[in-house]
Amino acid sequence: MESMNKSIFIPRETIEKRVKELGEQISRDYAESELIIVGVLKGAFIFMADLIRALSIPCRVDFARLASYGSGAASSGKVIMTKDIETSIRGRDILIVEDIVDTGLTLKFLVDWFRERNPRSLKVCAFLDKQGRRKVPFEADYVGFSVDDAFVIGYGLDFDEKGRFLPDVYIVE
């Protein structure tokens, strides 16, 4: 980590404020519902934990894991499910929580996978959104921050399993 040239992009105080706002909005939107939140491992776990604590409504939690990134900075383009959820989502309100929407391939795959199970509703909350990197059309329903095509680490985001622990988001140059 020390050898990486990085600078703070989104400080932790800004992250905390935005997560609180997202939690309030989601709580309002699902006030009359029991929400099932599905975190996408590994990157979303820190954002998801903070988001759940920012909610004022009860929710259930599950996790899915998909693979599309190798050890490099660019997506391989192929998406595979490596851990499916264990919860039945038929007729339920589902919120997928993801760390970053990049090419859109992973989330499109996951949304299509879940839609086949007939949830009542299915929305996506992404911590970061890189609109300029899309390979397929995809829009998250809730977005923490929109970012340009910078490579970022911290707050759950990693580069080759390094940097997840950082409390701020950094641009790696």
C-alpha atoms as a PDB file:
ATOM      1  CA  MET A   1       0.000   0.000   0.000  1.00  0.00           C
ATOM      2  CA  GLU A   2       2.793   2.377   0.827  1.00  0.00           C
ATOM      3  CA  SER A   3       4.219   2.075  -2.684  1.00  0.00           C
ATOM      4  CA  MET A   4       0.895   3.098  -4.288  1.00  0.00           C
ATOM      5  CA  ASN A   5       0.621   6.728  -5.288  1.00  0.00           C
ATOM      6  CA  LYS A   6      -2.790   7.665  -3.874  1.00  0.00           C
ATOM      7  CA  SER A   7      -4.685  10.737  -2.757  1.00  0.00           C
ATOM      8  CA  ILE A   8      -7.916  11.145  -0.811  1.00  0.00           C
ATOM      9  CA  PHE A   9     -10.863  11.447  -3.182  1.00  0.00           C
ATOM     10  CA  ILE A  10     -13.853  11.147  -0.814  1.00  0.00           C
ATOM     11  CA  PRO A  11     -13.105  11.756   2.872  1.00  0.00           C
ATOM     12  CA  ARG A  12     -14.799   9.624   5.533  1.00  0.00           C
ATOM     13  CA  GLU A  13     -16.914  12.543   6.821  1.00  0.00           C
ATOM     14  CA  THR A  14     -18.419  13.016   3.352  1.00  0.00           C
ATOM     15  CA  ILE A  15     -19.048   9.275   3.095  1.00  0.00           C
ATOM     16  CA  GLU A  16     -20.775   9.198   6.504  1.00  0.00           C
ATOM     17  CA  LYS A  17     -23.058  12.100   5.550  1.00  0.00           C
ATOM     18  CA  ARG A  18     -24.051  10.537   2.211  1.00  0.00           C
ATOM     19  CA  VAL A  19     -24.654   7.078   3.709  1.00  0.00           C
ATOM     20  CA  LYS A  20     -26.941   8.678   6.312  1.00  0.00           C
ATOM     21  CA  GLU A  21     -28.878  10.434   3.511  1.00  0.00           C
ATOM     22  CA  LEU A  22     -29.209   7.167   1.567  1.00  0.00           C
ATOM     23  CA  GLY A  23     -30.392   5.368   4.702  1.00  0.00           C
ATOM     24  CA  GLU A  24     -33.067   7.999   5.285  1.00  0.00           C
ATOM     25  CA  GLN A  25     -34.257   7.845   1.658  1.00  0.00           C
ATOM     26  CA  ILE A  26     -34.382   4.031   1.601  1.00  0.00           C
ATOM     27  CA  SER A  27     -36.180   3.987   4.961  1.00  0.00           C
ATOM     28  CA  ARG A  28     -38.843   6.317   3.564  1.00  0.00           C
ATOM     29  CA  ASP A  29     -39.178   4.308   0.335  1.00  0.00           C
ATOM     30  CA  TYR A  30     -39.612   1.000   2.199  1.00  0.00           C
ATOM     31  CA  ALA A  31     -41.470   2.228   5.303  1.00  0.00           C
ATOM     32  CA  GLU A  32     -44.343  -0.203   4.713  1.00  0.00           C
ATOM     33  CA  SER A  33     -42.224  -3.175   3.695  1.00  0.00           C
ATOM     34  CA  GLU A  34     -39.847  -5.767   5.027  1.00  0.00           C
ATOM     35  CA  LEU A  35     -36.749  -5.199   2.963  1.00  0.00           C
ATOM     36  CA  ILE A  36     -34.223  -7.888   2.093  1.00  0.00           C
ATOM     37  CA  ILE A  37     -30.801  -6.384   1.512  1.00  0.00           C
ATOM     38  CA  VAL A  38     -28.384  -8.420  -0.573  1.00  0.00           C
ATOM     39  CA  GLY A  39     -24.765  -7.342  -0.345  1.00  0.00           C
ATOM     40  CA  VAL A  40     -22.396  -8.128  -3.165  1.00  0.00           C
ATOM     41  CA  LEU A  41     -19.200  -9.535  -1.726  1.00  0.00           C
ATOM     42  CA  LYS A  42     -16.544  -8.611  -1.116  1.00  0.00           C
ATOM     43  CA  GLY A  43     -16.428  -4.907  -1.898  1.00  0.00           C
ATOM     44  CA  ALA A  44     -19.835  -3.845  -0.592  1.00  0.00           C
ATOM     45  CA  PHE A  45     -19.615  -5.212   2.947  1.00  0.00           C
ATOM     46  CA  ILE A  46     -18.387  -2.010   4.629  1.00  0.00           C
ATOM     47  CA  PHE A  47     -20.844   0.239   2.772  1.00  0.00           C
ATOM     48  CA  MET A  48     -23.653  -2.251   3.431  1.00  0.00           C
ATOM     49  CA  ALA A  49     -22.934  -2.404   7.175  1.00  0.00           C
ATOM     50  CA  ASP A  50     -22.954   1.393   7.443  1.00  0.00           C
ATOM     51  CA  LEU A  51     -26.077   1.647   5.271  1.00  0.00           C
ATOM     52  CA  ILE A  52     -27.991  -0.864   7.401  1.00  0.00           C
ATOM     53  CA  ARG A  53     -27.073   1.080  10.548  1.00  0.00           C
ATOM     54  CA  ALA A  54     -28.408   4.232   8.841  1.00  0.00           C
ATOM     55  CA  LEU A  55     -31.822   2.630   8.219  1.00  0.00           C
ATOM     56  CA  SER A  56     -34.763   3.224  10.533  1.00  0.00           C
ATOM     57  CA  ILE A  57     -36.635   0.153   9.239  1.00  0.00           C
ATOM     58  CA  PRO A  58     -36.066  -3.548   9.891  1.00  0.00           C
ATOM     59  CA  CYS A  59     -34.410  -5.573   7.179  1.00  0.00           C
ATOM     60  CA  ARG A  60     -33.121  -9.036   6.451  1.00  0.00           C
ATOM     61  CA  VAL A  61     -29.615  -9.557   5.103  1.00  0.00           C
ATOM     62  CA  ASP A  62     -28.039 -11.963   2.643  1.00  0.00           C
ATOM     63  CA  PHE A  63     -24.971 -11.995   0.428  1.00  0.00           C
ATOM     64  CA  ALA A  64     -24.070 -12.925  -3.120  1.00  0.00           C
ATOM     65  CA  ARG A  65     -20.641 -13.136  -4.647  1.00  0.00           C
ATOM     66  CA  LEU A  66     -19.831 -12.748  -8.289  1.00  0.00           C
ATOM     67  CA  ALA A  67     -16.539 -12.725 -10.092  1.00  0.00           C
ATOM     68  CA  SER A  68     -15.700 -10.522 -13.043  1.00  0.00           C
ATOM     69  CA  TYR A  69     -12.427  -8.901 -12.081  1.00  0.00           C
ATOM     70  CA  GLY A  70      -9.147 -10.747 -12.229  1.00  0.00           C
ATOM     71  CA  SER A  71      -6.102  -9.392 -10.470  1.00  0.00           C
ATOM     72  CA  GLY A  72      -5.928  -6.454 -12.863  1.00  0.00           C
ATOM     73  CA  ALA A  73      -7.695  -3.111 -12.878  1.00  0.00           C
ATOM     74  CA  ALA A  74      -9.979  -3.891 -15.820  1.00  0.00           C
ATOM     75  CA  SER A  75     -13.021  -6.170 -15.899  1.00  0.00           C
ATOM     76  CA  SER A  76     -12.648  -9.465 -17.731  1.00  0.00           C
ATOM     77  CA  GLY A  77     -16.185  -9.023 -19.105  1.00  0.00           C
ATOM     78  CA  LYS A  78     -17.267 -12.510 -17.998  1.00  0.00           C
ATOM     79  CA  VAL A  79     -19.471 -12.762 -14.912  1.00  0.00           C
ATOM     80  CA  ILE A  80     -19.948 -15.897 -12.832  1.00  0.00           C
ATOM     81  CA  MET A  81     -21.887 -16.492  -9.608  1.00  0.00           C
ATOM     82  CA  THR A  82     -19.597 -17.897  -6.939  1.00  0.00           C
ATOM     83  CA  LYS A  83     -22.018 -17.580  -3.978  1.00  0.00           C
ATOM     84  CA  ASP A  84     -25.781 -17.380  -4.387  1.00  0.00           C
ATOM     85  CA  ILE A  85     -28.160 -16.032  -1.757  1.00  0.00           C
ATOM     86  CA  GLU A  86     -29.818 -18.429   0.682  1.00  0.00           C
ATOM     87  CA  THR A  87     -33.045 -16.439   1.133  1.00  0.00           C
ATOM     88  CA  SER A  88     -36.216 -16.948  -0.881  1.00  0.00           C
ATOM     89  CA  ILE A  89     -36.995 -13.636  -2.593  1.00  0.00           C
ATOM     90  CA  ARG A  90     -40.267 -14.534  -4.352  1.00  0.00           C
ATOM     91  CA  GLY A  91     -42.781 -11.754  -3.694  1.00  0.00           C
ATOM     92  CA  ARG A  92     -40.304  -9.807  -1.524  1.00  0.00           C
ATOM     93  CA  ASP A  93     -38.750  -6.342  -1.766  1.00  0.00           C
ATOM     94  CA  ILE A  94     -35.052  -6.698  -2.588  1.00  0.00           C
ATOM     95  CA  LEU A  95     -32.293  -4.092  -2.449  1.00  0.00           C
ATOM     96  CA  ILE A  96     -28.954  -5.111  -3.931  1.00  0.00           C
ATOM     97  CA  VAL A  97     -26.067  -3.211  -2.344  1.00  0.00           C
ATOM     98  CA  GLU A  98     -22.932  -2.918  -4.467  1.00  0.00           C
ATOM     99  CA  ASP A  99     -19.687  -1.031  -4.013  1.00  0.00           C
ATOM    100  CA  ILE A 100     -19.339   0.276  -7.562  1.00  0.00           C
ATOM    101  CA  VAL A 101     -21.188   0.214 -10.882  1.00  0.00           C
ATOM    102  CA  ASP A 102     -18.501   0.140 -13.528  1.00  0.00           C
ATOM    103  CA  THR A 103     -19.189  -1.657 -16.816  1.00  0.00           C
ATOM    104  CA  GLY A 104     -22.680  -2.636 -15.612  1.00  0.00           C
ATOM    105  CA  LEU A 105     -22.056  -6.277 -16.548  1.00  0.00           C
ATOM    106  CA  THR A 106     -21.984  -7.665 -13.003  1.00  0.00           C
ATOM    107  CA  LEU A 107     -25.114  -5.878 -11.835  1.00  0.00           C
ATOM    108  CA  LYS A 108     -27.041  -6.616 -15.019  1.00  0.00           C
ATOM    109  CA  PHE A 109     -26.181 -10.299 -14.547  1.00  0.00           C
ATOM    110  CA  LEU A 110     -27.263 -10.234 -10.878  1.00  0.00           C
ATOM    111  CA  VAL A 111     -30.480  -8.275 -11.494  1.00  0.00           C
ATOM    112  CA  ASP A 112     -31.448 -10.668 -14.309  1.00  0.00           C
ATOM    113  CA  TRP A 113     -30.600 -13.654 -12.053  1.00  0.00           C
ATOM    114  CA  PHE A 114     -32.823 -12.310  -9.247  1.00  0.00           C
ATOM    115  CA  ARG A 115     -35.688 -11.243 -11.538  1.00  0.00           C
ATOM    116  CA  GLU A 116     -36.118 -14.890 -12.549  1.00  0.00           C
ATOM    117  CA  ARG A 117     -37.104 -15.542  -8.896  1.00  0.00           C
ATOM    118  CA  ASN A 118     -40.036 -13.097  -9.083  1.00  0.00           C
ATOM    119  CA  PRO A 119     -39.386 -10.605  -6.288  1.00  0.00           C
ATOM    120  CA  ARG A 120     -42.099  -7.997  -5.664  1.00  0.00           C
ATOM    121  CA  SER A 121     -39.544  -5.252  -6.251  1.00  0.00           C
ATOM    122  CA  LEU A 122     -35.839  -5.177  -7.054  1.00  0.00           C
ATOM    123  CA  LYS A 123     -33.649  -2.097  -6.728  1.00  0.00           C
ATOM    124  CA  VAL A 124     -29.927  -1.410  -6.599  1.00  0.00           C
ATOM    125  CA  CYS A 125     -27.984   0.853  -4.259  1.00  0.00           C
ATOM    126  CA  ALA A 126     -24.408   1.527  -5.377  1.00  0.00           C
ATOM    127  CA  PHE A 127     -21.817   3.365  -3.331  1.00  0.00           C
ATOM    128  CA  LEU A 128     -20.004   4.603  -6.457  1.00  0.00           C
ATOM    129  CA  ASP A 129     -21.174   4.943 -10.057  1.00  0.00           C
ATOM    130  CA  LYS A 130     -18.784   5.224 -13.007  1.00  0.00           C
ATOM    131  CA  GLN A 131     -21.226   6.108 -15.804  1.00  0.00           C
ATOM    132  CA  GLY A 132     -18.462   6.580 -18.356  1.00  0.00           C
ATOM    133  CA  ARG A 133     -17.336   2.938 -18.105  1.00  0.00           C
ATOM    134  CA  ARG A 134     -20.632   1.240 -19.047  1.00  0.00           C
ATOM    135  CA  LYS A 135     -20.546  -1.607 -21.526  1.00  0.00           C
ATOM    136  CA  VAL A 136     -24.272  -2.312 -21.040  1.00  0.00           C
ATOM    137  CA  PRO A 137     -27.042   0.128 -20.088  1.00  0.00           C
ATOM    138  CA  PHE A 138     -27.550   0.091 -16.315  1.00  0.00           C
ATOM    139  CA  GLU A 139     -28.865   2.620 -13.813  1.00  0.00           C
ATOM    140  CA  ALA A 140     -28.723   2.132 -10.047  1.00  0.00           C
ATOM    141  CA  ASP A 141     -31.778   3.312  -8.128  1.00  0.00           C
ATOM    142  CA  TYR A 142     -29.710   4.833  -5.324  1.00  0.00           C
ATOM    143  CA  VAL A 143     -26.183   6.171  -5.804  1.00  0.00           C
ATOM    144  CA  GLY A 144     -23.754   7.406  -3.187  1.00  0.00           C
ATOM    145  CA  PHE A 145     -21.365   9.230  -5.498  1.00  0.00           C
ATOM    146  CA  SER A 146     -20.822   9.515  -9.243  1.00  0.00           C
ATOM    147  CA  VAL A 147     -17.168   9.322 -10.207  1.00  0.00           C
ATOM    148  CA  ASP A 148     -15.149   9.744 -13.346  1.00  0.00           C
ATOM    149  CA  ASP A 149     -12.983   6.977 -14.724  1.00  0.00           C
ATOM    150  CA  ALA A 150     -10.488   7.041 -11.873  1.00  0.00           C
ATOM    151  CA  PHE A 151      -9.229   3.908 -10.158  1.00  0.00           C
ATOM    152  CA  VAL A 152     -10.280   4.061  -6.518  1.00  0.00           C
ATOM    153  CA  ILE A 153      -9.631   2.046  -3.363  1.00  0.00           C
ATOM    154  CA  GLY A 154     -10.747   2.222   0.253  1.00  0.00           C
ATOM    155  CA  TYR A 155     -14.044   1.871   2.103  1.00  0.00           C
ATOM    156  CA  GLY A 156     -14.332  -1.724   0.891  1.00  0.00           C
ATOM    157  CA  LEU A 157     -12.968  -1.123  -2.607  1.00  0.00           C
ATOM    158  CA  ASP A 158      -9.709  -2.884  -3.324  1.00  0.00           C
ATOM    159  CA  PHE A 159      -6.958  -3.417  -5.816  1.00  0.00           C
ATOM    160  CA  ASP A 160      -5.842  -7.054  -5.801  1.00  0.00           C
ATOM    161  CA  GLU A 161      -7.234  -7.424  -2.237  1.00  0.00           C
ATOM    162  CA  LYS A 162      -5.331  -4.378  -0.986  1.00  0.00           C
ATOM    163  CA  GLY A 163      -6.836  -1.171   0.402  1.00  0.00           C
ATOM    164  CA  ARG A 164     -10.279  -2.316   1.571  1.00  0.00           C
ATOM    165  CA  PHE A 165      -9.536  -1.280   5.154  1.00  0.00           C
ATOM    166  CA  LEU A 166      -8.953   2.402   4.345  1.00  0.00           C
ATOM    167  CA  PRO A 167     -11.738   4.570   5.838  1.00  0.00           C
ATOM    168  CA  ASP A 168     -11.616   7.137   3.020  1.00  0.00           C
ATOM    169  CA  VAL A 169     -11.839   6.588  -0.752  1.00  0.00           C
ATOM    170  CA  TYR A 170      -8.548   7.201  -2.554  1.00  0.00           C
ATOM    171  CA  ILE A 171      -7.677   7.723  -6.189  1.00  0.00           C
ATOM    172  CA  VAL A 172      -4.759   5.519  -7.206  1.00  0.00           C
ATOM    173  CA  GLU A 173      -2.518   7.080  -9.828  1.00  0.00           C
END
